[in-house]
Amino acid sequence: MVQEADLILVMEVFQQQRLMKEYPAASGKVMLLGKWLDNLEINDPYRKSSEAFALVFKQIESACKLWSDKLGGK
């Protein structure tokens, strides 16, 4: 899947580093989802409050919108 992907979006830097280490040829296509939000890391809200989930949802939504805009989406 890594070889076939054009872009791989991850939420946290450790995920990006792990993929780049395991698949060095794919390093150029592994990016943070929060890249266009000042390289924001979007942390997993597991076992956190509903407010934390709401914040993460907004971060994901904003990041996806920016990626869509950058990639020519509508």
C-alpha atoms as a PDB file:
ATOM      1  CA  MET A   1       0.000   0.000   0.000  1.00  0.00           C
ATOM      2  CA  VAL A   2       2.841   2.390   0.815  1.00  0.00           C
ATOM      3  CA  GLN A   3       4.363   1.994  -2.641  1.00  0.00           C
ATOM      4  CA  GLU A   4       1.022   2.527  -4.376  1.00  0.00           C
ATOM      5  CA  ALA A   5       0.042   5.614  -2.375  1.00  0.00           C
ATOM      6  CA  ASP A   6       0.596   9.082  -3.797  1.00  0.00           C
ATOM      7  CA  LEU A   7       0.318  10.722  -0.375  1.00  0.00           C
ATOM      8  CA  ILE A   8       0.333   9.331   3.152  1.00  0.00           C
ATOM      9  CA  LEU A   9      -1.067  11.599   5.857  1.00  0.00           C
ATOM     10  CA  VAL A  10      -0.295  10.934   9.496  1.00  0.00           C
ATOM     11  CA  MET A  11      -1.428  12.657  12.653  1.00  0.00           C
ATOM     12  CA  GLU A  12       1.754  12.706  14.726  1.00  0.00           C
ATOM     13  CA  VAL A  13       5.469  13.141  14.047  1.00  0.00           C
ATOM     14  CA  PHE A  14       6.348   9.746  15.545  1.00  0.00           C
ATOM     15  CA  GLN A  15       4.087   8.094  12.957  1.00  0.00           C
ATOM     16  CA  GLN A  16       5.778  10.041  10.180  1.00  0.00           C
ATOM     17  CA  GLN A  17       9.250   9.111  11.429  1.00  0.00           C
ATOM     18  CA  ARG A  18       8.332   5.441  11.790  1.00  0.00           C
ATOM     19  CA  LEU A  19       6.961   5.201   8.255  1.00  0.00           C
ATOM     20  CA  MET A  20       9.939   7.045   6.829  1.00  0.00           C
ATOM     21  CA  LYS A  21      12.301   4.684   8.660  1.00  0.00           C
ATOM     22  CA  GLU A  22      10.453   1.553   7.538  1.00  0.00           C
ATOM     23  CA  TYR A  23       9.889   2.811   3.980  1.00  0.00           C
ATOM     24  CA  PRO A  24      12.708   5.244   3.108  1.00  0.00           C
ATOM     25  CA  ALA A  25      11.682   5.372  -0.553  1.00  0.00           C
ATOM     26  CA  ALA A  26       8.316   6.783   0.522  1.00  0.00           C
ATOM     27  CA  SER A  27       9.766   9.565   2.680  1.00  0.00           C
ATOM     28  CA  GLY A  28       8.759  12.294   0.248  1.00  0.00           C
ATOM     29  CA  LYS A  29       5.095  11.367   0.386  1.00  0.00           C
ATOM     30  CA  VAL A  30       4.650  10.948   4.155  1.00  0.00           C
ATOM     31  CA  MET A  31       3.260  14.203   5.536  1.00  0.00           C
ATOM     32  CA  LEU A  32       1.564  15.466   8.659  1.00  0.00           C
ATOM     33  CA  LEU A  33      -2.157  15.973   8.289  1.00  0.00           C
ATOM     34  CA  GLY A  34      -1.614  19.253  10.153  1.00  0.00           C
ATOM     35  CA  LYS A  35       1.133  20.448   7.772  1.00  0.00           C
ATOM     36  CA  TRP A  36      -0.851  23.486   6.638  1.00  0.00           C
ATOM     37  CA  LEU A  37      -1.725  24.319  10.261  1.00  0.00           C
ATOM     38  CA  ASP A  38       1.903  25.147  11.150  1.00  0.00           C
ATOM     39  CA  ASN A  39       2.856  21.455  11.226  1.00  0.00           C
ATOM     40  CA  LEU A  40       0.312  20.777  13.927  1.00  0.00           C
ATOM     41  CA  GLU A  41       0.424  17.342  15.499  1.00  0.00           C
ATOM     42  CA  ILE A  42      -3.101  16.035  16.017  1.00  0.00           C
ATOM     43  CA  ASN A  43      -3.043  13.923  19.143  1.00  0.00           C
ATOM     44  CA  ASP A  44      -5.265  10.910  19.701  1.00  0.00           C
ATOM     45  CA  PRO A  45      -8.096  11.864  22.089  1.00  0.00           C
ATOM     46  CA  TYR A  46      -8.553   8.278  23.292  1.00  0.00           C
ATOM     47  CA  ARG A  47      -9.717   8.203  26.926  1.00  0.00           C
ATOM     48  CA  LYS A  48     -10.061  11.970  27.012  1.00  0.00           C
ATOM     49  CA  SER A  49     -13.034  14.253  27.467  1.00  0.00           C
ATOM     50  CA  SER A  50     -15.702  14.964  24.889  1.00  0.00           C
ATOM     51  CA  GLU A  51     -14.193  18.452  24.614  1.00  0.00           C
ATOM     52  CA  ALA A  52     -10.881  16.872  23.576  1.00  0.00           C
ATOM     53  CA  PHE A  53     -12.698  14.831  20.921  1.00  0.00           C
ATOM     54  CA  ALA A  54     -14.442  17.970  19.670  1.00  0.00           C
ATOM     55  CA  LEU A  55     -11.118  19.816  19.420  1.00  0.00           C
ATOM     56  CA  VAL A  56      -9.482  16.953  17.530  1.00  0.00           C
ATOM     57  CA  PHE A  57     -12.475  16.770  15.190  1.00  0.00           C
ATOM     58  CA  LYS A  58     -12.109  20.488  14.400  1.00  0.00           C
ATOM     59  CA  GLN A  59      -8.365  20.068  13.834  1.00  0.00           C
ATOM     60  CA  ILE A  60      -8.931  17.144  11.469  1.00  0.00           C
ATOM     61  CA  GLU A  61     -11.708  18.972   9.645  1.00  0.00           C
ATOM     62  CA  SER A  62      -9.572  22.104   9.192  1.00  0.00           C
ATOM     63  CA  ALA A  63      -6.528  20.123   8.114  1.00  0.00           C
ATOM     64  CA  CYS A  64      -8.510  18.092   5.571  1.00  0.00           C
ATOM     65  CA  LYS A  65     -10.035  21.242   4.117  1.00  0.00           C
ATOM     66  CA  LEU A  66      -6.597  22.795   3.679  1.00  0.00           C
ATOM     67  CA  TRP A  67      -5.194  19.636   2.079  1.00  0.00           C
ATOM     68  CA  SER A  68      -8.180  19.521  -0.257  1.00  0.00           C
ATOM     69  CA  ASP A  69      -7.604  23.153  -1.228  1.00  0.00           C
ATOM     70  CA  LYS A  70      -3.886  22.559  -1.818  1.00  0.00           C
ATOM     71  CA  LEU A  71      -4.587  19.460  -3.903  1.00  0.00           C
ATOM     72  CA  GLY A  72      -7.140  21.281  -6.046  1.00  0.00           C
ATOM     73  CA  GLY A  73     -10.292  19.912  -4.426  1.00  0.00           C
ATOM     74  CA  LYS A  74     -13.568  21.727  -4.203  1.00  0.00           C
END
